[in-house]
């Protein structure tokens, strides 16, 4: 039967287990066998002076708590004359718990357990749990502190609080992680931060909604990157203007939630036969609305097209330009506004057909940020919030 190494039980290197007893609380008596050097001059010319025990709370073994009892020594350095207690991996001076125990406490709270539950389960004070968790978040934050700018960058806004306003979220769309968040959504607020961003020239693609402010920021601070419109926001914009036009044509029908759901659906998606008959009957009763609805469906097919080459994209561009002309000359104010917007963002929308990444990744990460705020019952300190976001979403 093969012997079990001490590292696999204790989770720390260079420890020798002397004894192990207990059921509900496992007491592990161990001794450090690794090298010891002077804490001042790093000399190995040492003399043992005194032997003593350190009793430390250690990470759980299964469902049982564990206590690590370490046989350690006081040393005297013959070279520099310093007296010091033995230093060991995973155990900091003057601490009564090991570093793996701190990580266990922090990870339990990070995974959703309340501070009260963690403190009761591991027999700690609530302030101690909060302190361990804060140091854990800081370590996670420091790992991503000086990361270089991603090649495919997603930019979107999110409201942080009434007092501090909006935040700008920068997402690595290749890895589906948050690159960073910062307060503000204008160039005056973001300029100082973006100028200090490391390796901005690495960015090749910037995905954003149809925000003129973010487009100017991307053109100024990421001059070598292509700007790509986000498919989700383009579709949402078309639906918004279509619904407003519907309200002008039939104000009563627009207030029907059932009809609103059917009118928003794409005609090629699955629909119950009864629902389709109701929709066709309603459109037959409103010929003008039917023409607008059919045009919207054709436009959606063009917008949602995905191609793999410039030649295929060139075949669709004339249909897209014809749709813009039809929108600008239709006589409905909302659709004319939509036509002007699509014309203004025509280059970015055309690039969207060949690009698969969207800001739906960013919206999903915003959902996780909402969970962070809800768990804390609201957050007012943006720096603490930023550290938590990068620990959870990076």
Protein backbone atom coordinates (compact mmCIF):
# COMPACT_ATOMS: atom_id res chain seq x y z
CA UNK A 1 0.00 0.00 0.00
CA UNK A 2 1.56 3.32 -1.01
CA UNK A 3 2.32 5.86 1.72
CA UNK A 4 0.31 9.10 1.78
CA UNK A 5 2.57 12.15 1.61
CA UNK A 6 2.22 14.80 4.29
CA UNK A 7 1.72 17.54 1.67
CA UNK A 8 -1.51 15.91 0.45
CA UNK A 9 -3.00 16.07 3.98
CA UNK A 10 -1.65 19.34 5.31
CA UNK A 11 -1.59 21.10 1.94
CA UNK A 12 1.81 22.69 2.67
CA UNK A 13 5.32 21.60 1.60
CA UNK A 14 8.14 20.26 3.82
CA UNK A 15 6.06 19.14 6.80
CA UNK A 16 6.36 15.79 8.55
CA UNK A 17 3.27 14.43 10.32
CA UNK A 18 4.07 12.99 13.76
CA UNK A 19 0.52 12.03 14.81
CA UNK A 20 -3.10 12.57 13.78
CA UNK A 21 -6.10 12.12 16.13
CA UNK A 22 -9.74 13.18 16.47
CA UNK A 23 -13.06 12.91 14.64
CA UNK A 24 -15.04 16.16 14.85
CA UNK A 25 -11.81 18.14 15.25
CA UNK A 26 -8.71 16.53 13.74
CA UNK A 27 -5.51 17.35 15.64
CA UNK A 28 -2.44 17.03 13.41
CA UNK A 29 0.93 17.13 15.17
CA UNK A 30 3.62 17.99 12.65
CA UNK A 31 7.17 19.28 12.34
CA UNK A 32 8.68 21.51 9.68
CA UNK A 33 11.59 19.80 7.92
CA UNK A 34 12.46 22.41 5.31
CA UNK A 35 15.45 24.77 5.31
CA UNK A 36 15.68 27.55 7.89
CA UNK A 37 17.72 30.74 7.42
CA UNK A 38 18.25 33.89 9.45
CA UNK A 39 15.49 36.47 8.89
CA UNK A 40 18.06 39.30 8.89
CA UNK A 41 21.16 38.09 7.01
CA UNK A 42 19.83 34.87 5.39
CA UNK A 43 22.63 32.87 7.01
CA UNK A 44 22.33 29.12 7.66
CA UNK A 45 24.85 29.19 10.50
CA UNK A 46 22.22 28.82 13.23
CA UNK A 47 21.92 27.32 16.72
CA UNK A 48 18.71 25.97 18.23
CA UNK A 49 17.86 27.66 21.51
CA UNK A 50 14.38 26.54 22.57
CA UNK A 51 11.60 24.22 21.43
CA UNK A 52 7.90 25.14 21.63
CA UNK A 53 4.55 24.40 20.00
CA UNK A 54 2.36 26.58 17.78
CA UNK A 55 -1.32 25.62 17.75
CA UNK A 56 -3.02 26.88 14.59
CA UNK A 57 -6.46 26.54 13.04
CA UNK A 58 -6.11 24.75 9.72
CA UNK A 59 -8.36 24.09 6.71
CA UNK A 60 -11.15 21.53 7.10
CA UNK A 61 -10.53 17.87 6.28
CA UNK A 62 -13.80 16.68 4.77
CA UNK A 63 -16.53 17.93 7.09
CA UNK A 64 -14.27 17.95 10.18
CA UNK A 65 -12.34 20.95 11.47
CA UNK A 66 -8.61 20.58 11.89
CA UNK A 67 -5.94 21.99 14.20
CA UNK A 68 -2.28 22.01 13.23
CA UNK A 69 0.15 21.61 16.15
CA UNK A 70 3.65 22.41 14.91
CA UNK A 71 6.83 21.57 16.78
CA UNK A 72 9.02 24.62 16.17
CA UNK A 73 12.17 26.23 17.53
CA UNK A 74 13.77 29.50 18.53
CA UNK A 75 17.10 30.10 16.76
CA UNK A 76 20.22 32.19 17.28
CA UNK A 77 22.23 33.33 14.26
CA UNK A 78 25.98 32.92 14.88
CA UNK A 79 26.84 35.43 12.12
CA UNK A 80 24.71 38.47 12.99
CA UNK A 81 23.63 37.56 16.52
CA UNK A 82 19.88 37.83 15.90
CA UNK A 83 17.38 35.71 17.83
CA UNK A 84 14.24 34.71 15.93
CA UNK A 85 11.47 32.14 15.86
CA UNK A 86 11.43 29.64 13.02
CA UNK A 87 9.66 30.77 9.83
CA UNK A 88 7.53 28.19 7.98
CA UNK A 89 5.55 28.23 4.70
CA UNK A 90 1.83 28.86 5.07
CA UNK A 91 2.19 30.33 8.59
CA UNK A 92 2.79 34.03 9.17
CA UNK A 93 4.41 35.39 12.35
CA UNK A 94 2.10 36.11 15.31
CA UNK A 95 -0.83 34.37 13.58
CA UNK A 96 -3.05 31.71 15.14
CA UNK A 97 -4.35 30.38 11.83
CA UNK A 98 -2.66 29.07 8.69
CA UNK A 99 -2.93 30.72 5.28
CA UNK A 100 -4.96 27.77 3.85
CA UNK A 101 -7.49 28.35 6.64
CA UNK A 102 -7.79 32.02 5.68
CA UNK A 103 -8.34 30.99 2.06
CA UNK A 104 -11.06 28.56 3.14
CA UNK A 105 -12.86 31.26 5.12
CA UNK A 106 -12.64 33.76 2.23
CA UNK A 107 -13.71 31.24 -0.43
CA UNK A 108 -16.78 30.18 1.57
CA UNK A 109 -17.96 33.78 1.80
CA UNK A 110 -16.98 34.40 -1.83
CA UNK A 111 -19.17 31.46 -2.91
CA UNK A 112 -22.26 32.97 -1.31
CA UNK A 113 -22.26 32.02 2.39
CA UNK A 114 -23.02 34.96 4.66
CA UNK A 115 -20.39 36.24 7.10
CA UNK A 116 -22.63 35.14 10.00
CA UNK A 117 -22.86 31.55 8.74
CA UNK A 118 -19.12 31.32 8.05
CA UNK A 119 -18.24 32.73 11.47
CA UNK A 120 -20.59 30.28 13.22
CA UNK A 121 -19.35 27.28 11.23
CA UNK A 122 -15.64 27.99 11.76
CA UNK A 123 -15.86 29.61 15.25
CA UNK A 124 -14.58 33.03 14.22
CA UNK A 125 -15.63 36.60 14.77
CA UNK A 126 -17.54 38.28 11.96
CA UNK A 127 -14.94 41.07 11.78
CA UNK A 128 -12.22 38.44 11.34
CA UNK A 129 -14.12 36.85 8.44
CA UNK A 130 -14.48 40.27 6.81
CA UNK A 131 -10.76 40.97 7.26
CA UNK A 132 -9.73 37.64 5.71
CA UNK A 133 -12.11 38.20 2.80
CA UNK A 134 -10.81 41.70 2.16
CA UNK A 135 -7.21 40.47 1.94
CA UNK A 136 -8.37 37.65 -0.38
CA UNK A 137 -10.04 40.15 -2.72
CA UNK A 138 -6.94 42.34 -2.69
CA UNK A 139 -4.78 39.40 -3.75
CA UNK A 140 -7.18 38.53 -6.57
CA UNK A 141 -7.23 42.18 -7.66
CA UNK A 142 -3.43 42.45 -7.69
CA UNK A 143 -3.17 39.48 -10.08
CA UNK A 144 -5.01 41.48 -12.77
CA UNK A 145 -3.70 44.92 -11.82
CA UNK A 146 -1.22 45.49 -14.67
CA UNK A 147 -2.86 43.36 -17.35
CA UNK A 148 -2.38 44.57 -20.92
CA UNK A 149 -5.29 45.80 -23.02
CA UNK A 150 -7.17 42.92 -24.71
CA UNK A 151 -7.26 42.54 -28.49
CA UNK A 152 -11.08 42.41 -28.62
CA UNK A 153 -12.52 45.00 -26.25
CA UNK A 154 -16.18 45.47 -25.36
CA UNK A 155 -17.32 48.85 -24.00
CA UNK A 156 -20.67 49.48 -22.33
CA UNK A 157 -22.16 51.59 -19.58
CA UNK A 158 -23.96 50.65 -16.37
CA UNK A 159 -25.47 52.74 -13.61
CA UNK A 160 -23.54 52.40 -10.34
CA UNK A 161 -25.51 54.64 -7.97
CA UNK A 162 -27.64 57.78 -7.91
CA UNK A 163 -24.86 59.77 -6.28
CA UNK A 164 -21.87 58.65 -8.38
CA UNK A 165 -23.76 58.07 -11.63
CA UNK A 166 -22.67 55.71 -14.40
CA UNK A 167 -19.68 53.43 -14.77
CA UNK A 168 -17.93 52.28 -17.94
CA UNK A 169 -17.24 48.56 -18.22
CA UNK A 170 -14.31 47.31 -20.30
CA UNK A 171 -14.56 43.60 -21.16
CA UNK A 172 -12.15 41.12 -22.68
CA UNK A 173 -14.53 39.50 -25.18
CA UNK A 174 -12.05 36.73 -26.03
CA UNK A 175 -11.88 35.43 -22.46
CA UNK A 176 -15.40 36.56 -21.38
CA UNK A 177 -13.94 38.44 -18.40
CA UNK A 178 -14.00 41.99 -17.07
CA UNK A 179 -10.82 43.88 -17.95
CA UNK A 180 -11.67 46.85 -15.73
CA UNK A 181 -14.41 49.26 -14.66
CA UNK A 182 -14.16 52.99 -14.09
CA UNK A 183 -16.52 55.79 -13.11
CA UNK A 184 -17.93 58.07 -15.78
CA UNK A 185 -19.00 57.68 -19.40
CA UNK A 186 -17.67 60.85 -21.04
CA UNK A 187 -14.26 61.66 -22.47
CA UNK A 188 -13.58 64.19 -19.73
CA UNK A 189 -14.06 61.46 -17.12
CA UNK A 190 -12.40 58.57 -18.99
CA UNK A 191 -9.52 60.39 -20.69
CA UNK A 192 -7.08 60.26 -17.77
CA UNK A 193 -7.78 56.58 -17.17
CA UNK A 194 -7.45 55.60 -20.85
CA UNK A 195 -4.17 57.48 -21.28
CA UNK A 196 -2.67 55.36 -18.47
CA UNK A 197 -4.03 52.06 -19.87
CA UNK A 198 -1.10 49.73 -20.65
CA UNK A 199 -0.60 48.50 -24.23
CA UNK A 200 -3.53 50.33 -25.82
CA UNK A 201 -2.00 49.64 -29.24
CA UNK A 202 -2.70 45.91 -28.76
CA UNK A 203 -6.44 46.52 -29.16
CA UNK A 204 -7.62 45.48 -32.64
CA UNK A 205 -11.43 45.51 -32.29
CA UNK A 206 -13.76 47.60 -30.13
CA UNK A 207 -17.40 46.45 -29.81
CA UNK A 208 -19.93 49.01 -28.58
CA UNK A 209 -23.53 50.09 -28.78
CA UNK A 210 -24.55 53.00 -31.01
CA UNK A 211 -23.11 55.64 -28.69
CA UNK A 212 -21.49 58.63 -30.39
CA UNK A 213 -19.54 59.42 -27.20
CA UNK A 214 -17.95 55.97 -27.01
CA UNK A 215 -17.19 56.07 -30.74
CA UNK A 216 -15.24 59.31 -30.40
CA UNK A 217 -13.39 57.89 -27.39
CA UNK A 218 -12.47 54.72 -29.32
CA UNK A 219 -11.30 56.71 -32.36
CA UNK A 220 -9.10 58.92 -30.18
CA UNK A 221 -7.61 56.40 -27.73
CA UNK A 222 -7.66 53.23 -29.88
CA UNK A 223 -6.76 54.61 -33.32
CA UNK A 224 -5.58 51.24 -34.68
CA UNK A 225 -8.73 49.35 -33.64
CA UNK A 226 -11.80 48.71 -35.81
CA UNK A 227 -15.10 49.82 -34.29
CA UNK A 228 -17.85 47.21 -34.58
CA UNK A 229 -21.51 47.87 -33.76
CA UNK A 230 -23.11 45.51 -31.28
CA UNK A 231 -25.78 43.36 -32.91
CA UNK A 232 -28.01 43.26 -29.82
CA UNK A 233 -28.22 47.04 -29.56
CA UNK A 234 -28.87 47.49 -33.29
CA UNK A 235 -31.80 45.04 -33.17
CA UNK A 236 -33.15 46.72 -30.04
CA UNK A 237 -32.96 50.15 -31.68
CA UNK A 238 -34.92 48.94 -34.73
CA UNK A 239 -37.59 47.39 -32.50
CA UNK A 240 -37.91 50.58 -30.45
CA UNK A 241 -38.52 52.80 -33.48
CA UNK A 242 -40.86 50.24 -35.02
CA UNK A 243 -42.97 50.07 -31.86
CA UNK A 244 -43.17 53.87 -31.71
CA UNK A 245 -44.37 53.95 -35.33
CA UNK A 246 -46.92 51.25 -34.52
CA UNK A 247 -48.24 53.47 -31.71
CA UNK A 248 -48.81 56.25 -34.24
CA UNK A 249 -50.74 53.94 -36.59
CA UNK A 250 -52.80 52.09 -33.96
CA UNK A 251 -52.59 53.42 -30.43
CA UNK A 252 -55.10 50.90 -29.05
CA UNK A 253 -53.43 47.82 -30.55
CA UNK A 254 -50.01 48.98 -29.36
CA UNK A 255 -51.17 48.70 -25.75
CA UNK A 256 -51.98 44.99 -26.11
CA UNK A 257 -49.18 42.97 -24.46
CA UNK A 258 -50.01 39.86 -26.45
CA UNK A 259 -49.78 41.68 -29.79
CA UNK A 260 -46.61 43.45 -28.69
CA UNK A 261 -44.94 40.11 -28.05
CA UNK A 262 -45.98 38.79 -31.48
CA UNK A 263 -44.94 41.94 -33.34
CA UNK A 264 -41.48 41.88 -31.78
CA UNK A 265 -40.84 38.28 -32.86
CA UNK A 266 -39.03 37.46 -36.09
CA UNK A 267 -41.29 35.87 -38.64
CA UNK A 268 -38.92 32.92 -39.12
CA UNK A 269 -39.03 31.92 -35.45
CA UNK A 270 -41.39 29.30 -34.09
CA UNK A 271 -44.87 30.58 -33.27
CA UNK A 272 -48.04 28.80 -32.24
CA UNK A 273 -50.54 28.40 -35.06
CA UNK A 274 -53.24 30.22 -33.09
CA UNK A 275 -50.90 33.14 -32.41
CA UNK A 276 -49.86 33.33 -36.06
CA UNK A 277 -53.50 33.39 -37.19
CA UNK A 278 -54.26 36.21 -34.73
CA UNK A 279 -51.26 38.18 -35.97
CA UNK A 280 -52.16 37.73 -39.64
CA UNK A 281 -55.77 38.73 -38.96
CA UNK A 282 -54.65 41.86 -37.11
CA UNK A 283 -52.24 42.86 -39.91
CA UNK A 284 -54.94 42.27 -42.56
CA UNK A 285 -57.15 44.76 -40.71
CA UNK A 286 -54.34 47.36 -40.76
CA UNK A 287 -52.76 47.46 -44.27
CA UNK A 288 -50.42 50.36 -43.49
CA UNK A 289 -49.08 48.61 -40.43
CA UNK A 290 -48.69 45.41 -42.42
CA UNK A 291 -46.40 47.18 -44.90
CA UNK A 292 -44.28 48.57 -42.06
CA UNK A 293 -44.16 45.14 -40.38
CA UNK A 294 -43.04 43.36 -43.56
CA UNK A 295 -40.36 45.99 -44.18
CA UNK A 296 -39.12 45.57 -40.60
CA UNK A 297 -38.82 41.80 -41.09
CA UNK A 298 -36.78 42.27 -44.28
CA UNK A 299 -34.53 44.77 -42.52
CA UNK A 300 -34.01 42.35 -39.62
CA UNK A 301 -32.88 39.62 -42.01
CA UNK A 302 -30.28 41.99 -43.44
CA UNK A 303 -29.09 43.14 -39.99
CA UNK A 304 -28.82 39.60 -38.58
CA UNK A 305 -26.86 38.30 -41.56
CA UNK A 306 -23.53 36.61 -40.83
CA UNK A 307 -20.92 36.16 -43.55
CA UNK A 308 -17.33 34.94 -43.66
CA UNK A 309 -15.79 36.98 -46.49
CA UNK A 310 -15.76 40.51 -47.90
CA UNK A 311 -17.25 39.21 -51.16
CA UNK A 312 -20.33 37.86 -49.37
CA UNK A 313 -20.69 41.09 -47.39
CA UNK A 314 -20.52 43.17 -50.59
CA UNK A 315 -23.56 41.34 -51.93
CA UNK A 316 -25.68 42.44 -48.95
CA UNK A 317 -24.57 46.08 -48.79
CA UNK A 318 -26.91 47.27 -51.63
CA UNK A 319 -29.95 45.82 -49.80
CA UNK A 320 -28.84 47.59 -46.62
CA UNK A 321 -28.40 50.93 -48.41
CA UNK A 322 -31.79 50.59 -50.12
CA UNK A 323 -33.39 50.01 -46.73
CA UNK A 324 -31.77 53.18 -45.38
CA UNK A 325 -33.11 55.22 -48.30
CA UNK A 326 -36.59 53.74 -47.80
CA UNK A 327 -36.51 54.63 -44.09
CA UNK A 328 -35.41 58.23 -44.72
CA UNK A 329 -38.20 58.82 -47.28
CA UNK A 330 -41.07 56.89 -45.65
CA UNK A 331 -42.75 59.90 -44.00
CA UNK A 332 -42.78 58.51 -40.44
CA UNK A 333 -40.66 60.61 -38.10
CA UNK A 334 -39.39 57.70 -35.96
CA UNK A 335 -38.41 55.61 -38.98
CA UNK A 336 -36.66 58.58 -40.56
CA UNK A 337 -34.63 58.97 -37.35
CA UNK A 338 -33.80 55.28 -37.52
CA UNK A 339 -32.63 55.69 -41.12
CA UNK A 340 -30.32 58.58 -40.14
CA UNK A 341 -28.83 56.50 -37.31
CA UNK A 342 -28.24 53.45 -39.50
CA UNK A 343 -26.62 55.65 -42.15
CA UNK A 344 -24.37 57.28 -39.55
CA UNK A 345 -23.27 53.86 -38.26
CA UNK A 346 -23.27 52.05 -41.62
CA UNK A 347 -19.54 51.15 -41.58
CA UNK A 348 -19.71 49.73 -38.05
CA UNK A 349 -22.87 47.74 -38.87
CA UNK A 350 -21.32 46.26 -42.03
CA UNK A 351 -18.31 45.11 -39.97
CA UNK A 352 -20.76 43.48 -37.57
CA UNK A 353 -21.78 40.92 -40.23
CA UNK A 354 -18.32 39.35 -40.25
CA UNK A 355 -17.70 39.53 -36.50
CA UNK A 356 -19.16 36.95 -34.11
CA UNK A 357 -18.46 38.55 -30.70
CA UNK A 358 -21.19 40.77 -29.21
CA UNK A 359 -21.73 42.75 -26.05
CA UNK A 360 -24.14 40.09 -24.81
CA UNK A 361 -21.04 38.93 -22.90
CA UNK A 362 -20.86 42.37 -21.29
CA UNK A 363 -24.57 42.30 -20.41
CA UNK A 364 -24.08 38.93 -18.72
CA UNK A 365 -21.21 40.33 -16.65
CA UNK A 366 -23.40 43.30 -15.72
CA UNK A 367 -25.85 40.77 -14.31
CA UNK A 368 -23.11 39.38 -12.08
CA UNK A 369 -22.23 42.93 -10.96
CA UNK A 370 -25.86 43.41 -9.96
CA UNK A 371 -25.59 40.25 -7.87
CA UNK A 372 -22.54 41.70 -6.09
CA UNK A 373 -24.44 44.88 -5.25
CA UNK A 374 -27.57 43.00 -4.19
CA UNK A 375 -25.59 40.71 -1.91
CA UNK A 376 -24.06 43.76 -0.21
CA UNK A 377 -27.50 45.53 -0.11
CA UNK A 378 -26.01 48.31 -2.20
CA UNK A 379 -22.43 49.62 -2.37
CA UNK A 380 -21.31 53.23 -1.98
CA UNK A 381 -17.51 52.84 -2.16
CA UNK A 382 -16.57 52.41 -5.82
CA UNK A 383 -13.01 51.24 -5.07
CA UNK A 384 -14.27 48.34 -2.93
CA UNK A 385 -16.85 47.55 -5.62
CA UNK A 386 -14.14 47.56 -8.31
CA UNK A 387 -12.01 45.12 -6.32
CA UNK A 388 -14.97 42.77 -5.88
CA UNK A 389 -15.92 42.93 -9.54
CA UNK A 390 -12.40 42.05 -10.68
CA UNK A 391 -12.25 39.19 -8.16
CA UNK A 392 -15.61 37.77 -9.30
CA UNK A 393 -15.55 38.50 -13.02
CA UNK A 394 -11.88 38.48 -14.07
